[in-house]
Amino acid sequence: MVATENGQTKKALSPEEQHPRKAFGWAVSDASGILSPFPFSRRNNGDDDVTIKILYCGICHSDLHTAKNDWSNTMYPVVPGHEIVGTITEVGQNVRKFKVGNKVGVGCMVNSCHSCHSCKQEFENYCPGVKWAYNSIDVDGTKTYGGYSNMIVVKENFVIAFPDNMPLDKGAPLLCAGITVYSPMKYHGLNEPGKHLGVVGLGGLGHVAVKFGKAFGMKVTVISSSPHKEKEAIERLGADAFLVSSDPIQMQAAMGTMDGIVNTVSAAHAIMPLAFLLKTNGKMIMVGAPDKPLQLPVFCLIFGGKSLAGSCIGGIKDTQEMIDFAAKHNITADIELISMDYVNKAMERLAKADVKYRFVIDIGNTLKAA
């Protein structure tokens, strides 16, 4: 309670309630993970901000983890969504890169400290003070809410311009899935024509990694525990080869043939057989996030000078570069477009890996305020 000028008291408003702009979305209120309609508020458009009318938002597996508090850090209520695309409806007086009507996207981040080593190196994704698109506390002390909503206000520096030929619905997942595989491929030299890239797992991340690998001019081999995905990998996505990870004969024949591997699997799995696929000084980059520790016999790295590294999305500059590259090479995500009221069913299906390969919510046409 707070005192007013006349001595009376009234209930103090939460920081979110103090925001003046009414917004509407779907939120999760507890660990059941069930989403339901949720009115809330956003801040006014500041001098360095843009306001975006959200048209589409992809569903990432991390949305599901957060909704169910699998990582024990969820601040309910939470409005998920960090693959956000739409059009700008308002710009602040200091904004120079955008104007009203521009097609834009917002990915996993909406702010950072701007002064640490990571920020200065344009790796805002590794800033200790990074502010995520949802389930984060922003610099004004208010909670961030994501893209399962009708609008969002974002700092200009965290907005991605969408090229005219990039479809908004199929481009939305690139703001997470795309940059998650593009950034480590770039920084670990796995984007050079003629090199041999292995992609472990053919899901939301893996199918985009195949497309980027081929656009870079690489030989791409998909490594999967699901034999039935071979036709899809080769005939539709353009992979050059397919390995069944549980087949020792296939794995033995491919030993020492790959310059690098992008490992997108988020379930517990054996690392050593994959490491043996690498050439001398080869690299395996982990972008999947298993919820249980993996066993790593170090001899599979020591003998051959091989490296195991991790990567988490990418910086804003690299995200813009990735979107521009994808547009140039006609790379989009394979999606299933859904209505807002289908989102809980989509979450159930996502938990069973029953999607090829990304759900995208048609926010503009199906999100209706209560």
Protein backbone atom coordinates (compact mmCIF):
# COMPACT_ATOMS: atom_id res chain seq x y z
CA MET A 1 0.00 0.00 0.00
CA VAL A 2 1.12 3.58 -0.64
CA ALA A 3 -0.05 6.91 0.81
CA THR A 4 -1.70 9.49 -1.42
CA GLU A 5 -1.61 13.29 -1.05
CA ASN A 6 -4.81 13.33 1.02
CA GLY A 7 -3.46 10.76 3.47
CA GLN A 8 -5.49 7.88 2.15
CA THR A 9 -3.86 4.66 1.10
CA LYS A 10 -4.32 2.57 -1.99
CA LYS A 11 -2.82 -0.54 -3.46
CA ALA A 12 0.59 -0.01 -5.05
CA LEU A 13 0.72 -0.80 -8.74
CA SER A 14 3.17 -3.39 -9.94
CA PRO A 15 5.77 -2.16 -12.45
CA GLU A 16 3.84 -3.95 -15.20
CA GLU A 17 0.60 -2.22 -14.18
CA GLN A 18 2.37 1.13 -14.34
CA HIS A 19 3.06 0.64 -18.03
CA PRO A 20 0.52 2.75 -19.92
CA ARG A 21 0.02 0.77 -23.14
CA LYS A 22 -2.55 -2.00 -23.09
CA ALA A 23 -1.42 -5.24 -24.67
CA PHE A 24 -2.91 -8.68 -25.03
CA GLY A 25 -1.45 -12.14 -25.38
CA TRP A 26 -1.48 -15.68 -24.06
CA ALA A 27 0.41 -16.55 -20.89
CA VAL A 28 1.28 -19.48 -18.67
CA SER A 29 0.44 -19.01 -14.99
CA ASP A 30 1.88 -22.19 -13.45
CA ALA A 31 3.97 -25.30 -14.14
CA SER A 32 1.10 -27.02 -15.90
CA GLY A 33 2.35 -25.17 -18.98
CA ILE A 34 -1.20 -24.37 -20.10
CA LEU A 35 -1.55 -21.06 -21.92
CA SER A 36 -4.61 -18.84 -21.68
CA PRO A 37 -5.63 -15.28 -22.68
CA PHE A 38 -3.75 -12.63 -20.71
CA PRO A 39 -4.20 -8.84 -20.76
CA PHE A 40 -1.09 -6.91 -19.70
CA SER A 41 0.75 -3.69 -20.55
CA ARG A 42 3.83 -2.44 -22.37
CA ARG A 43 5.89 0.71 -21.91
CA ASN A 44 5.39 3.75 -24.09
CA ASN A 45 7.60 4.08 -27.14
CA GLY A 46 10.77 5.85 -25.98
CA ASP A 47 13.20 7.94 -27.98
CA ASP A 48 15.30 4.89 -28.91
CA ASP A 49 12.41 2.44 -29.29
CA VAL A 50 10.27 1.04 -32.05
CA THR A 51 6.77 -0.35 -31.55
CA ILE A 52 5.94 -3.45 -33.54
CA LYS A 53 2.57 -4.90 -34.45
CA ILE A 54 3.24 -8.63 -34.15
CA LEU A 55 2.03 -10.70 -37.10
CA TYR A 56 3.74 -14.05 -36.51
CA CYS A 57 5.65 -15.74 -33.70
CA GLY A 58 7.48 -19.04 -33.87
CA ILE A 59 7.33 -21.63 -31.12
CA CYS A 60 10.74 -22.69 -29.82
CA HIS A 61 11.36 -25.74 -27.63
CA SER A 62 12.68 -23.36 -24.98
CA ASP A 63 9.17 -21.85 -24.82
CA LEU A 64 7.93 -25.26 -23.71
CA HIS A 65 10.74 -25.67 -21.16
CA THR A 66 10.01 -22.24 -19.71
CA ALA A 67 6.27 -22.80 -19.63
CA LYS A 68 6.73 -25.95 -17.55
CA ASN A 69 9.55 -24.48 -15.42
CA ASP A 70 11.89 -27.26 -16.53
CA TRP A 71 14.89 -24.99 -15.86
CA SER A 72 13.57 -23.82 -12.46
CA ASN A 73 13.75 -20.14 -13.41
CA THR A 74 10.27 -19.30 -14.68
CA MET A 75 8.65 -16.14 -13.30
CA TYR A 76 4.93 -16.66 -13.74
CA PRO A 77 2.95 -15.37 -15.45
CA VAL A 78 5.07 -15.71 -18.58
CA VAL A 79 4.20 -14.77 -22.16
CA PRO A 80 6.55 -16.90 -24.29
CA GLY A 81 7.85 -16.20 -27.78
CA HIS A 82 11.21 -15.02 -29.11
CA GLU A 83 10.79 -15.58 -32.84
CA ILE A 84 8.79 -12.41 -33.39
CA VAL A 85 8.03 -10.71 -36.70
CA GLY A 86 5.73 -7.90 -37.71
CA THR A 87 5.57 -4.31 -38.90
CA ILE A 88 6.66 -1.11 -37.19
CA THR A 89 3.85 1.20 -36.09
CA GLU A 90 5.86 3.85 -34.21
CA VAL A 91 9.48 5.01 -33.95
CA GLY A 92 11.26 7.16 -31.38
CA GLN A 93 12.88 10.47 -32.28
CA ASN A 94 16.42 9.00 -32.09
CA VAL A 95 15.66 6.00 -34.31
CA ARG A 96 17.59 6.09 -37.56
CA LYS A 97 17.54 2.55 -38.96
CA PHE A 98 13.79 2.04 -39.18
CA LYS A 99 10.59 3.78 -40.12
CA VAL A 100 6.88 3.09 -39.77
CA GLY A 101 5.77 0.24 -42.02
CA ASN A 102 9.10 -1.63 -42.09
CA LYS A 103 9.01 -5.43 -41.81
CA VAL A 104 11.15 -6.43 -38.84
CA GLY A 105 11.91 -9.18 -36.38
CA VAL A 106 12.88 -9.54 -32.73
CA GLY A 107 14.76 -12.58 -31.52
CA CYS A 108 15.82 -13.89 -28.14
CA MET A 109 17.24 -10.60 -26.78
CA VAL A 110 15.74 -7.17 -26.16
CA ASN A 111 18.54 -5.44 -24.24
CA SER A 112 22.06 -5.81 -22.80
CA CYS A 113 24.51 -3.76 -20.75
CA HIS A 114 26.27 -2.34 -23.87
CA SER A 115 29.56 -1.96 -21.98
CA CYS A 116 30.97 -5.40 -21.12
CA HIS A 117 33.58 -7.26 -23.16
CA SER A 118 30.93 -9.39 -24.87
CA CYS A 119 28.81 -6.40 -25.88
CA LYS A 120 31.85 -4.54 -27.21
CA GLN A 121 32.70 -7.60 -29.31
CA GLU A 122 29.09 -7.64 -30.62
CA PHE A 123 28.25 -10.82 -28.75
CA GLU A 124 25.35 -9.41 -26.76
CA ASN A 125 24.12 -12.99 -26.39
CA TYR A 126 26.93 -13.61 -23.88
CA CYS A 127 26.47 -10.38 -21.92
CA PRO A 128 26.06 -11.09 -18.18
CA GLY A 129 23.28 -8.52 -18.17
CA VAL A 130 21.46 -9.68 -21.28
CA LYS A 131 17.69 -9.17 -21.19
CA TRP A 132 15.73 -11.94 -22.85
CA ALA A 133 12.56 -11.35 -24.84
CA TYR A 134 10.55 -12.97 -22.07
CA ASN A 135 11.00 -14.20 -18.50
CA SER A 136 13.64 -11.55 -17.81
CA ILE A 137 13.75 -8.38 -15.71
CA ASP A 138 14.46 -5.36 -17.88
CA VAL A 139 16.49 -2.31 -16.83
CA ASP A 140 13.38 -0.49 -15.60
CA GLY A 141 12.61 -3.32 -13.18
CA THR A 142 9.68 -4.69 -15.16
CA LYS A 143 9.26 -8.17 -16.54
CA THR A 144 9.72 -8.83 -20.22
CA TYR A 145 6.86 -10.48 -22.08
CA GLY A 146 7.33 -12.26 -25.39
CA GLY A 147 5.77 -12.60 -28.78
CA TYR A 148 2.62 -14.60 -28.10
CA SER A 149 1.02 -11.14 -28.02
CA ASN A 150 -0.31 -8.40 -30.25
CA MET A 151 2.50 -5.83 -29.93
CA ILE A 152 5.91 -5.18 -28.42
CA VAL A 153 8.16 -2.17 -27.75
CA VAL A 154 11.88 -2.80 -28.35
CA LYS A 155 15.12 -0.83 -28.44
CA GLU A 156 16.14 -0.06 -32.02
CA ASN A 157 19.47 -1.85 -31.61
CA PHE A 158 17.73 -5.16 -30.94
CA VAL A 159 15.47 -5.10 -34.00
CA ILE A 160 16.28 -7.04 -37.17
CA ALA A 161 15.35 -5.70 -40.61
CA PHE A 162 13.62 -8.26 -42.82
CA PRO A 163 14.47 -8.18 -46.53
CA ASP A 164 11.46 -7.77 -48.82
CA ASN A 165 11.78 -11.28 -50.22
CA MET A 166 11.88 -12.98 -46.79
CA PRO A 167 8.40 -14.29 -45.90
CA LEU A 168 7.53 -13.28 -42.36
CA ASP A 169 5.93 -16.56 -41.32
CA LYS A 170 8.68 -18.87 -42.60
CA GLY A 171 11.38 -16.39 -41.63
CA ALA A 172 10.30 -16.07 -37.99
CA PRO A 173 12.04 -19.27 -36.73
CA LEU A 174 15.34 -18.10 -38.20
CA LEU A 175 15.51 -15.52 -35.39
CA CYS A 176 16.32 -18.39 -33.03
CA ALA A 177 16.84 -21.64 -34.95
CA GLY A 178 18.64 -19.90 -37.81
CA ILE A 179 21.11 -17.87 -35.78
CA THR A 180 21.69 -20.78 -33.40
CA VAL A 181 23.30 -22.80 -36.20
CA TYR A 182 24.62 -19.95 -38.38
CA SER A 183 26.74 -18.29 -35.69
CA PRO A 184 28.83 -21.33 -34.67
CA MET A 185 29.24 -22.38 -38.31
CA LYS A 186 30.66 -18.93 -39.05
CA TYR A 187 32.98 -18.66 -36.06
CA HIS A 188 34.32 -22.20 -36.21
CA GLY A 189 35.07 -22.20 -39.93
CA LEU A 190 32.22 -24.54 -40.81
CA ASN A 191 31.03 -22.32 -43.63
CA GLU A 192 33.78 -22.96 -46.18
CA PRO A 193 32.96 -24.48 -49.57
CA GLY A 194 34.11 -28.06 -50.00
CA LYS A 195 34.31 -28.87 -46.30
CA HIS A 196 32.33 -31.78 -44.90
CA LEU A 197 29.71 -30.88 -42.28
CA GLY A 198 27.86 -33.33 -40.09
CA VAL A 199 24.48 -32.32 -38.68
CA VAL A 200 23.33 -34.38 -35.71
CA GLY A 201 19.56 -34.40 -35.39
CA LEU A 202 17.01 -33.42 -38.03
CA GLY A 203 14.55 -31.19 -36.20
CA GLY A 204 13.91 -27.47 -35.90
CA LEU A 205 17.63 -26.64 -35.71
CA GLY A 206 18.99 -29.46 -37.82
CA HIS A 207 16.89 -28.88 -40.91
CA VAL A 208 18.01 -25.23 -41.02
CA ALA A 209 21.66 -26.25 -40.50
CA VAL A 210 21.41 -28.51 -43.56
CA LYS A 211 20.12 -25.61 -45.64
CA PHE A 212 22.86 -23.23 -44.49
CA GLY A 213 25.54 -25.88 -45.03
CA LYS A 214 24.46 -26.43 -48.62
CA ALA A 215 24.23 -22.66 -49.23
CA PHE A 216 27.84 -22.37 -47.98
CA GLY A 217 28.85 -24.95 -50.59
CA MET A 218 29.62 -27.74 -48.14
CA LYS A 219 29.09 -31.47 -48.27
CA VAL A 220 26.44 -32.18 -45.64
CA THR A 221 25.75 -35.47 -43.88
CA VAL A 222 22.78 -35.83 -41.56
CA ILE A 223 23.37 -38.08 -38.54
CA SER A 224 20.15 -39.33 -36.96
CA SER A 225 18.78 -42.11 -34.81
CA SER A 226 15.67 -42.19 -37.05
CA PRO A 227 16.23 -44.16 -40.28
CA HIS A 228 12.88 -43.00 -41.70
CA LYS A 229 14.25 -39.44 -41.98
CA GLU A 230 16.77 -40.36 -44.69
CA LYS A 231 14.50 -39.66 -47.65
CA GLU A 232 13.47 -36.32 -46.18
CA ALA A 233 17.08 -35.31 -45.50
CA ILE A 234 18.42 -36.16 -48.94
CA GLU A 235 15.55 -35.70 -51.37
CA ARG A 236 13.84 -32.65 -49.87
CA LEU A 237 16.45 -30.82 -47.78
CA GLY A 238 19.38 -31.56 -50.09
CA ALA A 239 21.77 -33.39 -47.76
CA ASP A 240 24.47 -35.38 -49.51
CA ALA A 241 24.43 -38.37 -47.17
CA PHE A 242 22.65 -39.85 -44.16
CA LEU A 243 24.04 -41.86 -41.26
CA VAL A 244 21.98 -43.90 -38.83
CA SER A 245 23.78 -43.24 -35.56
CA SER A 246 22.78 -46.62 -34.12
CA ASP A 247 24.26 -48.53 -37.06
CA PRO A 248 27.88 -49.42 -36.13
CA ILE A 249 28.76 -50.39 -39.69
CA GLN A 250 27.69 -47.03 -41.11
CA MET A 251 29.38 -45.12 -38.31
CA GLN A 252 32.61 -47.11 -38.70
CA ALA A 253 32.70 -46.42 -42.43
CA ALA A 254 32.36 -42.66 -41.84
CA MET A 255 35.08 -42.37 -39.17
CA GLY A 256 37.50 -39.49 -39.73
CA THR A 257 35.59 -37.97 -42.66
CA MET A 258 34.06 -34.78 -41.28
CA ASP A 259 35.64 -31.36 -40.80
CA GLY A 260 33.01 -30.35 -38.27
CA ILE A 261 29.74 -31.32 -36.67
CA VAL A 262 26.83 -29.20 -35.50
CA ASN A 263 25.10 -31.19 -32.78
CA THR A 264 21.48 -30.08 -32.36
CA VAL A 265 20.22 -32.93 -30.14
CA SER A 266 18.67 -31.93 -26.83
CA ALA A 267 18.29 -35.46 -25.43
CA ALA A 268 20.93 -37.54 -23.68
CA HIS A 269 23.11 -39.27 -26.27
CA ALA A 270 26.58 -40.72 -26.77
CA ILE A 271 29.27 -38.21 -27.74
CA MET A 272 32.19 -40.55 -28.39
CA PRO A 273 30.86 -42.20 -31.58
CA LEU A 274 30.21 -38.75 -33.01
CA ALA A 275 33.69 -37.50 -32.12
CA PHE A 276 35.18 -40.42 -34.05
CA LEU A 277 33.52 -39.08 -37.21
CA LEU A 278 35.74 -35.98 -37.08
CA LYS A 279 38.96 -35.54 -38.99
CA THR A 280 42.15 -34.57 -37.18
CA ASN A 281 41.56 -31.17 -35.55
CA GLY A 282 37.86 -31.42 -36.31
CA LYS A 283 35.28 -29.57 -34.21
CA MET A 284 31.92 -30.54 -32.76
CA ILE A 285 29.71 -27.63 -31.73
CA MET A 286 26.93 -28.27 -29.22
CA VAL A 287 23.81 -26.18 -29.80
CA GLY A 288 21.26 -28.59 -28.36
CA ALA A 289 20.75 -28.44 -24.60
CA PRO A 290 20.24 -31.87 -22.98
CA ASP A 291 18.75 -31.59 -19.51
CA LYS A 292 21.06 -34.33 -18.20
CA PRO A 293 24.89 -34.38 -18.21
CA LEU A 294 26.55 -36.16 -21.12
CA GLN A 295 29.43 -38.60 -20.74
CA LEU A 296 32.61 -37.53 -22.48
CA PRO A 297 35.52 -39.99 -22.67
CA VAL A 298 38.29 -37.46 -23.33
CA PHE A 299 40.48 -39.87 -25.29
CA CYS A 300 38.14 -39.44 -28.27
CA LEU A 301 39.24 -35.79 -28.31
CA ILE A 302 42.87 -36.15 -27.29
CA PHE A 303 43.74 -38.60 -30.04
CA GLY A 304 43.18 -36.45 -33.08
CA GLY A 305 43.35 -33.00 -31.51
CA LYS A 306 39.59 -32.63 -31.74
CA SER A 307 37.55 -29.87 -30.11
CA LEU A 308 34.17 -29.78 -28.39
CA ALA A 309 32.55 -26.36 -28.07
CA GLY A 310 29.20 -24.83 -27.25
CA SER A 311 27.27 -21.94 -28.76
CA CYS A 312 24.15 -20.00 -27.75
CA ILE A 313 22.28 -18.10 -30.51
CA GLY A 314 24.39 -15.14 -31.75
CA GLY A 315 24.83 -11.38 -31.57
CA ILE A 316 22.59 -8.83 -33.24
CA LYS A 317 25.05 -8.06 -36.04
CA ASP A 318 25.34 -11.76 -36.88
CA THR A 319 21.57 -12.19 -36.72
CA GLN A 320 21.09 -9.44 -39.30
CA GLU A 321 23.83 -10.98 -41.42
CA MET A 322 22.14 -14.38 -41.14
CA ILE A 323 18.73 -13.04 -42.22
CA ASP A 324 20.27 -11.25 -45.19
CA PHE A 325 22.20 -14.41 -46.20
CA ALA A 326 19.08 -16.53 -45.84
CA ALA A 327 17.07 -14.14 -48.01
CA LYS A 328 19.79 -14.16 -50.68
CA HIS A 329 19.81 -17.97 -50.79
CA ASN A 330 16.06 -18.48 -50.32
CA ILE A 331 16.52 -20.20 -46.96
CA THR A 332 13.45 -20.36 -44.75
CA ALA A 333 12.24 -22.69 -42.02
CA ASP A 334 9.77 -25.45 -42.81
CA ILE A 335 6.74 -24.53 -40.73
CA GLU A 336 3.24 -25.50 -39.71
CA LEU A 337 1.19 -22.32 -39.38
CA ILE A 338 -1.31 -22.47 -36.52
CA SER A 339 -3.95 -20.30 -34.90
CA MET A 340 -3.49 -18.86 -31.42
CA ASP A 341 -6.17 -21.10 -29.93
CA TYR A 342 -4.25 -24.19 -31.14
CA VAL A 343 -1.15 -23.29 -29.12
CA ASN A 344 -1.71 -25.73 -26.25
CA LYS A 345 -2.18 -28.61 -28.67
CA ALA A 346 0.95 -27.48 -30.48
CA MET A 347 2.89 -27.58 -27.21
CA GLU A 348 1.71 -31.16 -26.63
CA ARG A 349 2.82 -32.13 -30.11
CA LEU A 350 6.14 -30.31 -29.72
CA ALA A 351 6.88 -32.35 -26.59
CA LYS A 352 6.48 -35.46 -28.78
CA ALA A 353 8.57 -34.00 -31.64
CA ASP A 354 5.43 -34.13 -33.78
CA VAL A 355 6.15 -31.21 -36.09
CA LYS A 356 8.04 -30.61 -39.35
CA TYR A 357 9.87 -28.58 -38.30
CA ARG A 358 8.62 -25.46 -36.54
CA PHE A 359 5.24 -24.25 -35.36
CA VAL A 360 4.49 -20.60 -36.14
CA ILE A 361 1.50 -18.79 -34.64
CA ASP A 362 -0.52 -16.58 -36.98
CA ILE A 363 -0.79 -13.76 -34.44
CA GLY A 364 -2.11 -11.09 -36.78
CA ASN A 365 -5.11 -13.09 -37.96
CA THR A 366 -5.98 -15.27 -34.96
CA LEU A 367 -5.07 -13.50 -31.70
CA LYS A 368 -8.29 -11.97 -30.46
CA ALA A 369 -8.58 -9.88 -27.32
CA ALA A 370 -11.06 -11.16 -24.76
